[in-house]
């Protein structure tokens, strides 16, 4: 029960890593609110997993790239759960395209969700944590933020932005007892991995000491410890979880 009694908000919780986060957090004793962009049926499945652990679930249809919708989501979660102890910024998108041929709208969509979402959700949560004098941020970022991994220019750019965001939140938030860390994941078996060309996935497995892709459950287990009170002396750090990739 690493997270007993905690109130957690997860962005992008209907599938993949987000769903695994919600399930593991609930197993560890937390009530979990999460947002989803489109798939209501998938969101209902995630909510059922949380409730199956005996915890409260709140599923909210909200686009993190939409500032008013994001602020309304944070307000609703705060009202219904009473507070937000932990915010996990997981929502993200990618598009399969080389930079040379990338359409402007693809770049804009990725930056809107992956970067603007950090501010749209992060600021109202930060303000709430400031009032309650404490809280934890965790960003699910990518090794493409720090290495030459085959993930696409805008995606890598957005994930590097998430690293900078976390490090500065850790600096500014320390006096308010707010911690902030990130997990830089390698390629994980999710829908997002489907945006990576097959020949790059094969190369990744060759580069990876474990010889395989990661799983969402593995990331969720690490995340549960990182946001818990047992990890109270870590802030401003990026923990790499990529199976031992050497590029």
Protein backbone atom coordinates (compact mmCIF):
# COMPACT_ATOMS: atom_id res chain seq x y z
CA UNK A 1 0.00 0.00 0.00
CA UNK A 2 2.57 2.53 -1.17
CA UNK A 3 -0.10 5.13 -1.92
CA UNK A 4 -2.74 4.52 0.73
CA UNK A 5 -5.14 7.46 0.95
CA UNK A 6 -3.53 9.42 -1.88
CA UNK A 7 -5.57 11.30 -4.47
CA UNK A 8 -4.06 11.07 -7.94
CA UNK A 9 -4.71 12.66 -11.32
CA UNK A 10 -3.37 10.86 -14.40
CA UNK A 11 -3.57 12.45 -17.84
CA UNK A 12 -4.16 10.05 -20.70
CA UNK A 13 -5.43 7.15 -18.64
CA UNK A 14 -7.68 5.17 -20.95
CA UNK A 15 -5.07 2.85 -22.43
CA UNK A 16 -1.41 1.86 -22.54
CA UNK A 17 0.88 3.20 -19.84
CA UNK A 18 -1.87 5.46 -18.51
CA UNK A 19 -4.21 2.55 -17.87
CA UNK A 20 -1.43 0.57 -16.16
CA UNK A 21 -0.64 3.58 -13.97
CA UNK A 22 -4.27 3.89 -12.88
CA UNK A 23 -4.55 0.19 -12.04
CA UNK A 24 -1.31 -0.01 -10.07
CA UNK A 25 -1.99 3.24 -8.20
CA UNK A 26 -5.40 1.91 -7.16
CA UNK A 27 -3.88 -1.39 -6.09
CA UNK A 28 -1.49 0.59 -3.90
CA UNK A 29 -4.38 2.37 -2.16
CA UNK A 30 -5.05 5.56 -4.13
CA UNK A 31 -8.24 7.07 -5.49
CA UNK A 32 -7.57 7.88 -9.14
CA UNK A 33 -8.98 10.46 -11.54
CA UNK A 34 -7.90 10.33 -15.17
CA UNK A 35 -8.71 12.02 -18.43
CA UNK A 36 -9.16 10.59 -21.89
CA UNK A 37 -9.35 12.22 -25.30
CA UNK A 38 -11.85 10.14 -27.26
CA UNK A 39 -12.41 6.48 -26.38
CA UNK A 40 -15.23 6.39 -23.84
CA UNK A 41 -15.43 2.58 -23.83
CA UNK A 42 -11.70 2.27 -23.07
CA UNK A 43 -12.05 4.85 -20.30
CA UNK A 44 -14.86 2.82 -18.76
CA UNK A 45 -12.58 -0.23 -18.76
CA UNK A 46 -9.88 1.72 -16.91
CA UNK A 47 -12.42 2.99 -14.38
CA UNK A 48 -13.58 -0.57 -13.78
CA UNK A 49 -10.01 -1.66 -13.07
CA UNK A 50 -9.64 1.09 -10.48
CA UNK A 51 -12.96 0.29 -8.83
CA UNK A 52 -12.05 -3.40 -8.89
CA UNK A 53 -9.28 -2.51 -6.46
CA UNK A 54 -11.86 -0.97 -4.12
CA UNK A 55 -10.87 2.61 -4.92
CA UNK A 56 -12.74 5.60 -6.32
CA UNK A 57 -12.41 6.28 -10.05
CA UNK A 58 -13.20 9.49 -11.92
CA UNK A 59 -13.03 9.37 -15.73
CA UNK A 60 -13.10 12.77 -17.43
CA UNK A 61 -13.37 13.46 -21.14
CA UNK A 62 -10.84 16.26 -21.60
CA UNK A 63 -8.23 17.30 -24.14
CA UNK A 64 -5.07 18.44 -22.32
CA UNK A 65 -4.32 20.71 -25.28
CA UNK A 66 -7.49 22.66 -24.47
CA UNK A 67 -6.72 25.12 -21.67
CA UNK A 68 -10.26 25.80 -20.39
CA UNK A 69 -11.09 22.07 -20.48
CA UNK A 70 -7.91 21.23 -18.58
CA UNK A 71 -8.59 23.79 -15.89
CA UNK A 72 -12.18 22.60 -15.55
CA UNK A 73 -10.89 19.03 -15.15
CA UNK A 74 -8.51 20.02 -12.34
CA UNK A 75 -11.28 21.93 -10.60
CA UNK A 76 -13.63 18.94 -10.82
CA UNK A 77 -11.04 16.50 -9.51
CA UNK A 78 -10.19 18.81 -6.62
CA UNK A 79 -13.87 19.17 -5.76
CA UNK A 80 -14.64 15.45 -5.93
CA UNK A 81 -11.48 14.08 -4.31
CA UNK A 82 -10.84 16.99 -1.98
CA UNK A 83 -7.26 17.52 -3.16
CA UNK A 84 -4.68 16.33 -5.65
CA UNK A 85 -1.66 14.77 -3.96
CA UNK A 86 -0.03 13.46 -7.13
CA UNK A 87 -0.27 14.50 -10.78
CA UNK A 88 1.10 12.14 -13.42
CA UNK A 89 1.50 13.81 -16.79
CA UNK A 90 1.26 10.92 -19.20
CA UNK A 91 -0.90 12.16 -22.11
CA UNK A 92 1.00 12.24 -25.37
CA UNK A 93 0.66 11.65 -29.10
CA UNK A 94 2.99 10.97 -32.00
CA UNK A 95 2.74 10.87 -35.79
CA UNK A 96 4.77 8.69 -38.13
CA UNK A 97 6.61 11.07 -40.42
CA UNK A 98 10.14 12.16 -41.21
CA UNK A 99 10.91 15.80 -40.44
CA UNK A 100 11.62 16.51 -44.11
CA UNK A 101 8.06 15.59 -45.10
CA UNK A 102 6.20 16.46 -41.91
CA UNK A 103 3.00 18.45 -42.30
CA UNK A 104 2.68 21.59 -40.23
CA UNK A 105 -0.54 20.34 -38.65
CA UNK A 106 1.22 17.20 -37.38
CA UNK A 107 3.90 19.29 -35.68
CA UNK A 108 1.25 21.59 -34.18
CA UNK A 109 -0.88 18.71 -32.91
CA UNK A 110 2.04 17.01 -31.16
CA UNK A 111 3.30 20.23 -29.54
CA UNK A 112 -0.24 21.23 -28.54
CA UNK A 113 -0.85 17.99 -26.66
CA UNK A 114 2.61 17.08 -25.40
CA UNK A 115 3.93 20.54 -24.51
CA UNK A 116 0.98 22.89 -24.05
CA UNK A 117 -0.68 20.16 -21.98
CA UNK A 118 2.11 20.47 -19.43
CA UNK A 119 1.09 24.06 -18.75
CA UNK A 120 -2.65 23.61 -19.18
CA UNK A 121 -2.85 20.87 -16.54
CA UNK A 122 0.32 21.59 -14.60
CA UNK A 123 -0.34 25.18 -13.59
CA UNK A 124 -3.76 24.70 -11.93
CA UNK A 125 -2.51 21.55 -10.20
CA UNK A 126 0.60 23.42 -9.02
CA UNK A 127 -1.61 26.20 -7.66
CA UNK A 128 -3.67 23.64 -5.77
CA UNK A 129 -0.55 21.97 -4.38
CA UNK A 130 0.76 25.37 -3.32
CA UNK A 131 -2.39 25.95 -1.27
CA UNK A 132 -2.12 22.54 0.38
CA UNK A 133 1.67 22.95 0.85
CA UNK A 134 2.76 19.78 -0.86
CA UNK A 135 2.41 17.40 -3.77
CA UNK A 136 4.19 15.33 -6.38
CA UNK A 137 4.50 15.65 -10.16
CA UNK A 138 5.65 12.82 -12.38
CA UNK A 139 6.10 13.09 -16.13
CA UNK A 140 6.19 10.04 -18.37
CA UNK A 141 8.74 11.18 -20.92
CA UNK A 142 10.94 9.29 -23.36
CA UNK A 143 14.54 8.35 -23.98
CA UNK A 144 14.11 10.23 -27.25
CA UNK A 145 14.36 13.39 -25.11
CA UNK A 146 17.98 12.59 -24.29
CA UNK A 147 19.18 10.14 -26.96
CA UNK A 148 19.04 9.73 -30.71
CA UNK A 149 16.18 7.25 -30.60
CA UNK A 150 13.88 6.73 -33.63
CA UNK A 151 10.86 8.64 -32.39
CA UNK A 152 10.42 11.62 -34.69
CA UNK A 153 11.60 15.21 -34.34
CA UNK A 154 8.46 16.82 -32.83
CA UNK A 155 7.91 13.94 -30.40
CA UNK A 156 11.51 14.07 -29.21
CA UNK A 157 11.28 17.85 -28.94
CA UNK A 158 8.13 17.64 -26.87
CA UNK A 159 9.58 15.02 -24.54
CA UNK A 160 12.71 17.12 -24.03
CA UNK A 161 10.39 19.97 -23.06
CA UNK A 162 8.84 17.70 -20.44
CA UNK A 163 12.29 17.13 -18.91
CA UNK A 164 12.89 20.88 -18.64
CA UNK A 165 9.41 21.37 -17.21
CA UNK A 166 9.98 18.80 -14.47
CA UNK A 167 13.40 20.11 -13.50
CA UNK A 168 12.17 23.67 -13.11
CA UNK A 169 9.01 22.64 -11.25
CA UNK A 170 11.29 20.75 -8.86
CA UNK A 171 13.36 23.90 -8.34
CA UNK A 172 10.46 26.31 -7.88
CA UNK A 173 8.31 23.88 -5.92
CA UNK A 174 10.87 22.76 -3.36
CA UNK A 175 10.03 25.55 -0.91
CA UNK A 176 6.38 24.50 -1.15
CA UNK A 177 7.17 20.82 -0.50
CA UNK A 178 6.38 19.93 -4.10
CA UNK A 179 8.53 17.23 -5.71
CA UNK A 180 8.81 16.60 -9.45
CA UNK A 181 10.48 13.75 -11.34
CA UNK A 182 10.25 12.00 -14.68
CA UNK A 183 10.58 8.52 -16.13
CA UNK A 184 12.23 8.39 -19.54
CA UNK A 185 10.85 5.20 -21.01
CA UNK A 186 12.15 3.30 -23.99
CA UNK A 187 9.81 1.75 -26.50
CA UNK A 188 6.89 0.21 -24.65
CA UNK A 189 4.30 -2.21 -26.02
CA UNK A 190 1.46 0.27 -26.50
CA UNK A 191 -0.50 1.82 -29.36
CA UNK A 192 2.09 4.59 -29.50
CA UNK A 193 4.75 2.04 -30.49
CA UNK A 194 2.66 1.36 -33.60
CA UNK A 195 3.72 4.78 -34.91
CA UNK A 196 7.34 3.56 -35.12
CA UNK A 197 8.35 1.81 -38.36
CA UNK A 198 8.94 -1.94 -38.05
CA UNK A 199 12.59 -1.76 -39.05
CA UNK A 200 13.26 0.76 -36.27
CA UNK A 201 11.58 -1.53 -33.74
CA UNK A 202 13.90 -4.32 -34.81
CA UNK A 203 16.90 -2.02 -34.41
CA UNK A 204 15.66 -1.03 -30.96
CA UNK A 205 15.55 -4.64 -29.82
CA UNK A 206 19.09 -5.10 -31.12
CA UNK A 207 20.26 -2.01 -29.20
CA UNK A 208 18.45 -3.07 -26.01
CA UNK A 209 20.30 -5.28 -23.51
CA UNK A 210 16.99 -6.94 -22.57
CA UNK A 211 16.32 -7.71 -26.23
CA UNK A 212 12.66 -6.71 -26.10
CA UNK A 213 10.25 -3.81 -25.71
CA UNK A 214 9.14 -2.72 -22.26
CA UNK A 215 5.66 -3.19 -20.84
CA UNK A 216 3.25 -0.65 -19.46
CA UNK A 217 3.04 -2.61 -16.21
CA UNK A 218 6.80 -2.28 -15.68
CA UNK A 219 6.60 1.49 -16.01
CA UNK A 220 3.61 1.66 -13.67
CA UNK A 221 5.39 -0.31 -10.95
CA UNK A 222 8.34 2.09 -11.06
CA UNK A 223 6.02 5.09 -11.10
CA UNK A 224 4.19 3.92 -7.97
CA UNK A 225 7.43 3.98 -6.01
CA UNK A 226 8.60 7.27 -7.48
CA UNK A 227 5.47 9.18 -6.46
CA UNK A 228 5.27 7.55 -3.04
CA UNK A 229 6.43 9.00 0.26
CA UNK A 230 9.15 6.34 0.36
CA UNK A 231 10.86 8.28 -2.41
CA UNK A 232 10.81 11.53 -0.45
CA UNK A 233 14.38 12.68 -1.18
CA UNK A 234 14.27 12.55 -4.99
CA UNK A 235 13.29 15.59 -7.01
CA UNK A 236 14.30 17.05 -10.35
CA UNK A 237 15.48 13.66 -11.62
CA UNK A 238 14.90 11.74 -14.82
CA UNK A 239 15.01 7.98 -14.29
CA UNK A 240 15.70 6.03 -17.48
CA UNK A 241 13.77 2.80 -17.97
CA UNK A 242 14.70 1.45 -21.38
CA UNK A 243 15.96 -2.09 -20.88
CA UNK A 244 19.58 -1.05 -21.26
CA UNK A 245 19.71 0.69 -24.62
CA UNK A 246 23.12 1.61 -26.01
CA UNK A 247 22.94 3.85 -29.07
